[in-house]
Amino acid sequence: FKATAYPNPYAEAFKLDVKTSSEATIVMHVYDMLGKLIETKEVQPSDVNTLEVGASYPSGVYNVIVSQGDSLQTLRVIKR
């Protein structure tokens, strides 16, 4: 399980690239730097490449926690 966010930093929206061999649902939580939950999404592995996130966020730094089953990865993204 490996997740990356691109482009980073971003101006409009970012996408997730998730490499996984599992068919389990992927859950994404986005937090601001104060630790406040901004958004939660659940997507199927087949649909994750079309997911665009962050278009409505104000400029800043965000922690994106991507999980699938027991696998978890934290990504830091920056909106210009």
C-alpha atoms as a PDB file:
ATOM      1  CA  PHE A   1       0.000   0.000   0.000  1.00  0.00           C
ATOM      2  CA  LYS A   2       1.498   3.303  -1.105  1.00  0.00           C
ATOM      3  CA  ALA A   3      -0.285   6.640  -1.462  1.00  0.00           C
ATOM      4  CA  THR A   4       1.009   9.867  -3.002  1.00  0.00           C
ATOM      5  CA  ALA A   5      -0.664  13.231  -3.602  1.00  0.00           C
ATOM      6  CA  TYR A   6       0.028  15.242  -6.746  1.00  0.00           C
ATOM      7  CA  PRO A   7       0.639  17.946  -7.719  1.00  0.00           C
ATOM      8  CA  ASN A   8       2.098  19.155  -4.449  1.00  0.00           C
ATOM      9  CA  PRO A   9       2.047  22.067  -3.845  1.00  0.00           C
ATOM     10  CA  TYR A  10      -1.190  22.564  -5.768  1.00  0.00           C
ATOM     11  CA  ALA A  11      -3.236  25.548  -6.916  1.00  0.00           C
ATOM     12  CA  GLU A  12      -6.632  24.113  -7.996  1.00  0.00           C
ATOM     13  CA  ALA A  13      -7.083  20.571  -6.652  1.00  0.00           C
ATOM     14  CA  PHE A  14      -4.913  17.555  -5.950  1.00  0.00           C
ATOM     15  CA  LYS A  15      -5.317  13.895  -6.817  1.00  0.00           C
ATOM     16  CA  LEU A  16      -4.325  10.752  -4.982  1.00  0.00           C
ATOM     17  CA  ASP A  17      -2.279   7.983  -6.529  1.00  0.00           C
ATOM     18  CA  VAL A  18      -2.747   4.796  -4.504  1.00  0.00           C
ATOM     19  CA  LYS A  19      -0.837   1.626  -5.309  1.00  0.00           C
ATOM     20  CA  THR A  20      -2.551  -1.330  -3.663  1.00  0.00           C
ATOM     21  CA  SER A  21      -3.289  -4.970  -4.273  1.00  0.00           C
ATOM     22  CA  SER A  22      -6.369  -4.929  -2.042  1.00  0.00           C
ATOM     23  CA  GLU A  23      -9.953  -4.322  -3.166  1.00  0.00           C
ATOM     24  CA  ALA A  24     -10.955  -2.836   0.220  1.00  0.00           C
ATOM     25  CA  THR A  25     -12.452   0.662   0.362  1.00  0.00           C
ATOM     26  CA  ILE A  26      -9.917   3.499   0.634  1.00  0.00           C
ATOM     27  CA  VAL A  27     -10.747   6.115   3.283  1.00  0.00           C
ATOM     28  CA  MET A  28      -9.282   9.614   3.173  1.00  0.00           C
ATOM     29  CA  HIS A  29      -9.412  12.175   5.999  1.00  0.00           C
ATOM     30  CA  VAL A  30      -8.129  15.720   5.453  1.00  0.00           C
ATOM     31  CA  TYR A  31      -7.089  17.835   8.450  1.00  0.00           C
ATOM     32  CA  ASP A  32      -5.888  21.425   8.619  1.00  0.00           C
ATOM     33  CA  MET A  33      -2.795  22.379  10.625  1.00  0.00           C
ATOM     34  CA  LEU A  34      -4.915  22.964  13.726  1.00  0.00           C
ATOM     35  CA  GLY A  35      -6.034  19.340  13.596  1.00  0.00           C
ATOM     36  CA  LYS A  36      -9.571  20.166  12.489  1.00  0.00           C
ATOM     37  CA  LEU A  37     -11.197  17.591  10.201  1.00  0.00           C
ATOM     38  CA  ILE A  38     -11.964  19.294   6.877  1.00  0.00           C
ATOM     39  CA  GLU A  39     -13.219  16.419   4.735  1.00  0.00           C
ATOM     40  CA  THR A  40     -13.720  12.648   4.740  1.00  0.00           C
ATOM     41  CA  LYS A  41     -14.152  10.543   1.613  1.00  0.00           C
ATOM     42  CA  GLU A  42     -14.515   6.838   0.928  1.00  0.00           C
ATOM     43  CA  VAL A  43     -13.633   5.568  -2.536  1.00  0.00           C
ATOM     44  CA  GLN A  44     -13.161   2.240  -4.218  1.00  0.00           C
ATOM     45  CA  PRO A  45      -9.605   1.468  -5.421  1.00  0.00           C
ATOM     46  CA  SER A  46     -10.830   1.520  -9.043  1.00  0.00           C
ATOM     47  CA  ASP A  47     -12.205   5.075  -8.623  1.00  0.00           C
ATOM     48  CA  VAL A  48      -9.379   6.704  -6.657  1.00  0.00           C
ATOM     49  CA  ASN A  49      -7.564   8.009  -9.750  1.00  0.00           C
ATOM     50  CA  THR A  50     -10.548  10.189 -10.717  1.00  0.00           C
ATOM     51  CA  LEU A  51     -10.911  11.727  -7.246  1.00  0.00           C
ATOM     52  CA  GLU A  52     -10.031  15.434  -7.048  1.00  0.00           C
ATOM     53  CA  VAL A  53      -9.675  16.970  -3.610  1.00  0.00           C
ATOM     54  CA  GLY A  54      -9.045  20.379  -2.118  1.00  0.00           C
ATOM     55  CA  ALA A  55     -10.553  22.768  -4.649  1.00  0.00           C
ATOM     56  CA  SER A  56     -12.610  24.553  -1.968  1.00  0.00           C
ATOM     57  CA  TYR A  57      -9.867  24.679   0.683  1.00  0.00           C
ATOM     58  CA  PRO A  58      -8.229  27.978   1.618  1.00  0.00           C
ATOM     59  CA  SER A  59      -4.481  28.321   1.028  1.00  0.00           C
ATOM     60  CA  GLY A  60      -2.481  26.442   3.643  1.00  0.00           C
ATOM     61  CA  VAL A  61      -0.952  23.136   4.674  1.00  0.00           C
ATOM     62  CA  TYR A  62      -3.073  20.007   5.109  1.00  0.00           C
ATOM     63  CA  ASN A  63      -2.487  16.522   6.486  1.00  0.00           C
ATOM     64  CA  VAL A  64      -4.163  13.840   4.392  1.00  0.00           C
ATOM     65  CA  ILE A  65      -4.539  10.459   6.078  1.00  0.00           C
ATOM     66  CA  VAL A  66      -5.166   7.690   3.566  1.00  0.00           C
ATOM     67  CA  SER A  67      -6.099   4.273   4.914  1.00  0.00           C
ATOM     68  CA  GLN A  68      -7.168   0.919   3.565  1.00  0.00           C
ATOM     69  CA  GLY A  69      -7.811  -1.913   5.984  1.00  0.00           C
ATOM     70  CA  ASP A  70      -4.826  -2.020   8.377  1.00  0.00           C
ATOM     71  CA  SER A  71      -2.619   0.128   6.104  1.00  0.00           C
ATOM     72  CA  LEU A  72      -2.339   3.836   6.828  1.00  0.00           C
ATOM     73  CA  GLN A  73      -0.274   6.634   5.337  1.00  0.00           C
ATOM     74  CA  THR A  74      -0.107  10.349   6.172  1.00  0.00           C
ATOM     75  CA  LEU A  75       0.598  12.841   3.383  1.00  0.00           C
ATOM     76  CA  ARG A  76       1.214  16.563   3.721  1.00  0.00           C
ATOM     77  CA  VAL A  77      -0.121  18.752   0.923  1.00  0.00           C
ATOM     78  CA  ILE A  78       0.228  22.494   0.416  1.00  0.00           C
ATOM     79  CA  LYS A  79      -2.310  24.705  -1.318  1.00  0.00           C
ATOM     80  CA  ARG A  80      -0.788  27.868  -2.758  1.00  0.00           C
END
